[in-house]
Amino acid sequence: MATEEIINRVANSKLVTFNLEDYYPKGQRVTFDISSWLLEGFVLRESAFREEAKNYDWSQYQDCYVALYCSTEAIIPAWAYMLIATYLQPYAKKTVNGSLEDLESILYTEVIQQMDLSALADKPVIIKGCANKPVPKNAYLLLINKLQPIVKSIMYGEACSSVPLYKKPKN
């Protein structure tokens, strides 16, 4: 009985695996809730708020990505977040208004906009689906928008069990 050699067609294919997790910006993510600086968690008193900001130790956010938010239903004027950003600017890598998910989405938007994907022109690409780092769903959509005009095809998942998403029409 002759044994046939098992051929790994995936390894021999021109399929390129693209893992967004490889582009995860390094750095600690932190949130900053401004509600503790509000009177009863709801009323922003400008002089007291400015005093809190002035006396706060901002250096603890050195090289961090910071998401500013308010955990109460208080109406916060735009200048309050802007004021905090002025104090964070010398320390934080990036400051955004929103949740950690908003922060990740903004970081990935910047990363994807700067990507040079010309090496993937006319190649079949599989976007890896499982991630150990918090890759936001929006990042996958941004990547599709950038890849689709240049690649031959796009799939999602793992090479052994992928979902086809796009195939360039033949002219």
C-alpha atoms as a PDB file:
ATOM      1  CA  MET A   1       0.000   0.000   0.000  1.00  0.00           C
ATOM      2  CA  ALA A   2       1.590   3.241  -1.144  1.00  0.00           C
ATOM      3  CA  THR A   3       1.382   6.261   1.081  1.00  0.00           C
ATOM      4  CA  GLU A   4       0.677   9.578  -0.525  1.00  0.00           C
ATOM      5  CA  GLU A   5       2.559  12.631   0.579  1.00  0.00           C
ATOM      6  CA  ILE A   6       0.362  15.127   2.388  1.00  0.00           C
ATOM      7  CA  ILE A   7       0.659  18.522   0.748  1.00  0.00           C
ATOM      8  CA  ASN A   8      -0.039  21.653   2.753  1.00  0.00           C
ATOM      9  CA  ARG A   9      -1.846  23.745   0.134  1.00  0.00           C
ATOM     10  CA  VAL A  10      -2.263  26.649   2.563  1.00  0.00           C
ATOM     11  CA  ALA A  11       1.493  26.904   3.177  1.00  0.00           C
ATOM     12  CA  ASN A  12       2.158  26.713  -0.574  1.00  0.00           C
ATOM     13  CA  SER A  13      -0.427  29.317  -1.533  1.00  0.00           C
ATOM     14  CA  LYS A  14       0.175  33.002  -2.105  1.00  0.00           C
ATOM     15  CA  LEU A  15      -2.336  33.766   0.636  1.00  0.00           C
ATOM     16  CA  VAL A  16      -1.165  36.585   2.902  1.00  0.00           C
ATOM     17  CA  THR A  17      -2.322  36.566   6.513  1.00  0.00           C
ATOM     18  CA  PHE A  18      -2.951  40.033   7.944  1.00  0.00           C
ATOM     19  CA  ASN A  19      -3.160  40.269  11.719  1.00  0.00           C
ATOM     20  CA  LEU A  20      -4.360  43.624  13.075  1.00  0.00           C
ATOM     21  CA  GLU A  21      -3.064  42.597  16.480  1.00  0.00           C
ATOM     22  CA  ASP A  22       0.478  43.001  15.069  1.00  0.00           C
ATOM     23  CA  TYR A  23      -0.218  46.739  14.783  1.00  0.00           C
ATOM     24  CA  TYR A  24      -1.489  47.216  18.332  1.00  0.00           C
ATOM     25  CA  PRO A  25       0.096  50.443  19.636  1.00  0.00           C
ATOM     26  CA  LYS A  26       2.224  49.661  22.678  1.00  0.00           C
ATOM     27  CA  GLY A  27       1.470  51.563  25.838  1.00  0.00           C
ATOM     28  CA  GLN A  28      -0.741  51.488  28.901  1.00  0.00           C
ATOM     29  CA  ARG A  29      -4.401  52.433  28.467  1.00  0.00           C
ATOM     30  CA  VAL A  30      -6.085  54.314  31.303  1.00  0.00           C
ATOM     31  CA  THR A  31      -9.378  56.061  31.912  1.00  0.00           C
ATOM     32  CA  PHE A  32      -9.859  59.317  33.745  1.00  0.00           C
ATOM     33  CA  ASP A  33     -13.308  59.966  35.220  1.00  0.00           C
ATOM     34  CA  ILE A  34     -13.869  63.666  35.843  1.00  0.00           C
ATOM     35  CA  SER A  35     -17.035  63.157  37.905  1.00  0.00           C
ATOM     36  CA  SER A  36     -15.063  63.257  41.163  1.00  0.00           C
ATOM     37  CA  TRP A  37     -14.169  66.873  40.355  1.00  0.00           C
ATOM     38  CA  LEU A  38     -17.849  67.867  40.054  1.00  0.00           C
ATOM     39  CA  LEU A  39     -20.012  69.109  42.896  1.00  0.00           C
ATOM     40  CA  GLU A  40     -22.047  66.062  43.950  1.00  0.00           C
ATOM     41  CA  GLY A  41     -20.813  64.416  40.736  1.00  0.00           C
ATOM     42  CA  PHE A  42     -23.058  66.602  38.570  1.00  0.00           C
ATOM     43  CA  VAL A  43     -22.233  70.304  38.748  1.00  0.00           C
ATOM     44  CA  LEU A  44     -19.072  71.704  37.237  1.00  0.00           C
ATOM     45  CA  ARG A  45     -17.874  74.765  39.114  1.00  0.00           C
ATOM     46  CA  GLU A  46     -15.235  76.349  36.948  1.00  0.00           C
ATOM     47  CA  SER A  47     -12.941  77.727  39.653  1.00  0.00           C
ATOM     48  CA  ALA A  48     -12.935  74.477  41.674  1.00  0.00           C
ATOM     49  CA  PHE A  49     -12.479  72.396  38.516  1.00  0.00           C
ATOM     50  CA  ARG A  50      -9.516  74.500  37.385  1.00  0.00           C
ATOM     51  CA  GLU A  51      -7.974  74.242  40.844  1.00  0.00           C
ATOM     52  CA  GLU A  52      -8.266  70.427  40.818  1.00  0.00           C
ATOM     53  CA  ALA A  53      -6.655  70.276  37.385  1.00  0.00           C
ATOM     54  CA  LYS A  54      -3.853  72.621  38.384  1.00  0.00           C
ATOM     55  CA  ASN A  55      -2.956  70.669  41.536  1.00  0.00           C
ATOM     56  CA  TYR A  56      -3.298  67.160  40.098  1.00  0.00           C
ATOM     57  CA  ASP A  57      -0.191  64.988  39.504  1.00  0.00           C
ATOM     58  CA  TRP A  58      -0.371  64.493  35.747  1.00  0.00           C
ATOM     59  CA  SER A  59       3.069  62.875  35.518  1.00  0.00           C
ATOM     60  CA  GLN A  60       1.511  59.512  36.435  1.00  0.00           C
ATOM     61  CA  TYR A  61       0.174  59.402  32.865  1.00  0.00           C
ATOM     62  CA  GLN A  62       3.642  59.453  31.298  1.00  0.00           C
ATOM     63  CA  ASP A  63       3.531  57.491  28.007  1.00  0.00           C
ATOM     64  CA  CYS A  64      -0.073  56.365  28.585  1.00  0.00           C
ATOM     65  CA  TYR A  65      -3.087  56.489  26.301  1.00  0.00           C
ATOM     66  CA  VAL A  66      -5.826  58.285  28.220  1.00  0.00           C
ATOM     67  CA  ALA A  67      -9.596  58.136  27.728  1.00  0.00           C
ATOM     68  CA  LEU A  68     -11.393  61.027  29.468  1.00  0.00           C
ATOM     69  CA  TYR A  69     -15.003  60.465  30.459  1.00  0.00           C
ATOM     70  CA  CYS A  70     -17.659  61.320  33.030  1.00  0.00           C
ATOM     71  CA  SER A  71     -19.424  58.410  34.729  1.00  0.00           C
ATOM     72  CA  THR A  72     -22.441  60.498  35.723  1.00  0.00           C
ATOM     73  CA  GLU A  73     -25.148  62.049  33.586  1.00  0.00           C
ATOM     74  CA  ALA A  74     -23.608  65.491  34.072  1.00  0.00           C
ATOM     75  CA  ILE A  75     -23.454  67.834  31.104  1.00  0.00           C
ATOM     76  CA  ILE A  76     -19.780  68.636  30.686  1.00  0.00           C
ATOM     77  CA  PRO A  77     -18.742  71.603  28.544  1.00  0.00           C
ATOM     78  CA  ALA A  78     -16.144  70.899  25.859  1.00  0.00           C
ATOM     79  CA  TRP A  79     -13.629  73.251  27.473  1.00  0.00           C
ATOM     80  CA  ALA A  80     -13.412  71.003  30.566  1.00  0.00           C
ATOM     81  CA  TYR A  81     -12.038  68.079  28.548  1.00  0.00           C
ATOM     82  CA  MET A  82      -9.845  70.480  26.609  1.00  0.00           C
ATOM     83  CA  LEU A  83      -8.412  71.895  29.841  1.00  0.00           C
ATOM     84  CA  ILE A  84      -7.517  68.429  31.087  1.00  0.00           C
ATOM     85  CA  ALA A  85      -5.934  67.649  27.713  1.00  0.00           C
ATOM     86  CA  THR A  86      -3.646  70.667  28.112  1.00  0.00           C
ATOM     87  CA  TYR A  87      -2.328  69.200  31.362  1.00  0.00           C
ATOM     88  CA  LEU A  88      -1.991  65.700  29.900  1.00  0.00           C
ATOM     89  CA  GLN A  89      -0.302  66.831  26.687  1.00  0.00           C
ATOM     90  CA  PRO A  90       3.285  66.815  28.015  1.00  0.00           C
ATOM     91  CA  TYR A  91       2.854  63.286  29.405  1.00  0.00           C
ATOM     92  CA  ALA A  92       0.261  61.197  27.584  1.00  0.00           C
ATOM     93  CA  LYS A  93       0.858  59.631  24.165  1.00  0.00           C
ATOM     94  CA  LYS A  94      -2.756  60.364  23.232  1.00  0.00           C
ATOM     95  CA  THR A  95      -5.800  61.781  25.000  1.00  0.00           C
ATOM     96  CA  VAL A  96      -9.361  61.232  23.784  1.00  0.00           C
ATOM     97  CA  ASN A  97     -12.839  61.946  25.089  1.00  0.00           C
ATOM     98  CA  GLY A  98     -14.688  58.666  25.435  1.00  0.00           C
ATOM     99  CA  SER A  99     -14.362  55.046  26.502  1.00  0.00           C
ATOM    100  CA  LEU A 100     -11.418  52.682  26.184  1.00  0.00           C
ATOM    101  CA  GLU A 101     -13.135  51.257  23.104  1.00  0.00           C
ATOM    102  CA  ASP A 102     -13.288  54.766  21.611  1.00  0.00           C
ATOM    103  CA  LEU A 103      -9.599  55.175  22.396  1.00  0.00           C
ATOM    104  CA  GLU A 104      -8.697  51.880  20.687  1.00  0.00           C
ATOM    105  CA  SER A 105     -10.787  52.803  17.654  1.00  0.00           C
ATOM    106  CA  ILE A 106      -9.020  56.157  17.311  1.00  0.00           C
ATOM    107  CA  LEU A 107      -5.595  54.559  17.725  1.00  0.00           C
ATOM    108  CA  TYR A 108      -6.331  51.952  15.059  1.00  0.00           C
ATOM    109  CA  THR A 109      -7.781  54.578  12.721  1.00  0.00           C
ATOM    110  CA  GLU A 110      -4.470  56.413  12.859  1.00  0.00           C
ATOM    111  CA  VAL A 111      -2.442  53.223  12.431  1.00  0.00           C
ATOM    112  CA  ILE A 112      -4.476  52.016   9.431  1.00  0.00           C
ATOM    113  CA  GLN A 113      -4.394  55.437   7.738  1.00  0.00           C
ATOM    114  CA  GLN A 114      -0.586  55.360   7.869  1.00  0.00           C
ATOM    115  CA  MET A 115      -0.221  51.794   6.537  1.00  0.00           C
ATOM    116  CA  ASP A 116       1.457  51.239   3.196  1.00  0.00           C
ATOM    117  CA  LEU A 117      -0.319  48.186   1.840  1.00  0.00           C
ATOM    118  CA  SER A 118       1.065  48.353  -1.700  1.00  0.00           C
ATOM    119  CA  ALA A 119       2.952  45.062  -1.146  1.00  0.00           C
ATOM    120  CA  LEU A 120      -0.448  43.340  -0.973  1.00  0.00           C
ATOM    121  CA  ALA A 121      -1.520  44.481  -4.449  1.00  0.00           C
ATOM    122  CA  ASP A 122      -3.366  41.716  -6.347  1.00  0.00           C
ATOM    123  CA  LYS A 123      -2.785  39.161  -3.595  1.00  0.00           C
ATOM    124  CA  PRO A 124      -5.326  37.067  -1.728  1.00  0.00           C
ATOM    125  CA  VAL A 125      -5.470  38.299   1.871  1.00  0.00           C
ATOM    126  CA  ILE A 126      -6.928  36.682   4.944  1.00  0.00           C
ATOM    127  CA  ILE A 127      -7.621  38.949   7.892  1.00  0.00           C
ATOM    128  CA  LYS A 128      -6.948  37.014  11.070  1.00  0.00           C
ATOM    129  CA  GLY A 129      -9.968  36.996  13.318  1.00  0.00           C
ATOM    130  CA  CYS A 130      -8.902  35.855  16.760  1.00  0.00           C
ATOM    131  CA  ALA A 131      -7.076  38.448  18.818  1.00  0.00           C
ATOM    132  CA  ASN A 132      -5.651  38.483  22.314  1.00  0.00           C
ATOM    133  CA  LYS A 133      -5.470  42.268  22.331  1.00  0.00           C
ATOM    134  CA  PRO A 134      -8.487  44.589  22.182  1.00  0.00           C
ATOM    135  CA  VAL A 135      -8.787  45.162  18.428  1.00  0.00           C
ATOM    136  CA  PRO A 136     -11.997  47.176  17.922  1.00  0.00           C
ATOM    137  CA  LYS A 137     -14.534  45.967  15.345  1.00  0.00           C
ATOM    138  CA  ASN A 138     -14.259  49.305  13.604  1.00  0.00           C
ATOM    139  CA  ALA A 139     -10.582  48.575  12.824  1.00  0.00           C
ATOM    140  CA  TYR A 140     -11.620  45.609  10.678  1.00  0.00           C
ATOM    141  CA  LEU A 141     -13.972  47.826   8.669  1.00  0.00           C
ATOM    142  CA  LEU A 142     -11.287  50.464   8.196  1.00  0.00           C
ATOM    143  CA  LEU A 143      -8.874  47.777   7.030  1.00  0.00           C
ATOM    144  CA  ILE A 144     -11.408  46.430   4.509  1.00  0.00           C
ATOM    145  CA  ASN A 145     -11.827  49.955   3.087  1.00  0.00           C
ATOM    146  CA  LYS A 146      -8.070  50.251   2.642  1.00  0.00           C
ATOM    147  CA  LEU A 147      -7.461  46.717   1.306  1.00  0.00           C
ATOM    148  CA  GLN A 148     -10.380  46.223  -1.068  1.00  0.00           C
ATOM    149  CA  PRO A 149      -9.219  48.584  -3.846  1.00  0.00           C
ATOM    150  CA  ILE A 150      -5.811  46.889  -4.097  1.00  0.00           C
ATOM    151  CA  VAL A 151      -6.057  43.173  -3.245  1.00  0.00           C
ATOM    152  CA  LYS A 152      -7.250  40.183  -5.278  1.00  0.00           C
ATOM    153  CA  SER A 153      -9.472  38.793  -2.538  1.00  0.00           C
ATOM    154  CA  ILE A 154     -10.261  39.187   1.155  1.00  0.00           C
ATOM    155  CA  MET A 155     -11.174  36.467   3.614  1.00  0.00           C
ATOM    156  CA  TYR A 156     -11.693  36.519   7.357  1.00  0.00           C
ATOM    157  CA  GLY A 157     -10.694  33.967   9.981  1.00  0.00           C
ATOM    158  CA  GLU A 158      -7.984  31.315   9.796  1.00  0.00           C
ATOM    159  CA  ALA A 159      -6.594  29.713   6.648  1.00  0.00           C
ATOM    160  CA  CYS A 160      -8.210  26.374   7.572  1.00  0.00           C
ATOM    161  CA  SER A 161     -11.670  27.888   8.114  1.00  0.00           C
ATOM    162  CA  SER A 162     -12.041  31.275   6.488  1.00  0.00           C
ATOM    163  CA  VAL A 163     -15.081  33.237   5.394  1.00  0.00           C
ATOM    164  CA  PRO A 164     -14.789  34.790   1.923  1.00  0.00           C
ATOM    165  CA  LEU A 165     -15.671  38.489   1.960  1.00  0.00           C
ATOM    166  CA  TYR A 166     -14.527  39.959  -1.351  1.00  0.00           C
ATOM    167  CA  LYS A 167     -13.153  38.876  -4.695  1.00  0.00           C
ATOM    168  CA  LYS A 168     -11.965  41.388  -7.287  1.00  0.00           C
ATOM    169  CA  PRO A 169     -14.099  41.149 -10.405  1.00  0.00           C
ATOM    170  CA  LYS A 170     -12.337  39.858 -13.510  1.00  0.00           C
ATOM    171  CA  ASN A 171     -12.158  42.452 -16.264  1.00  0.00           C
END
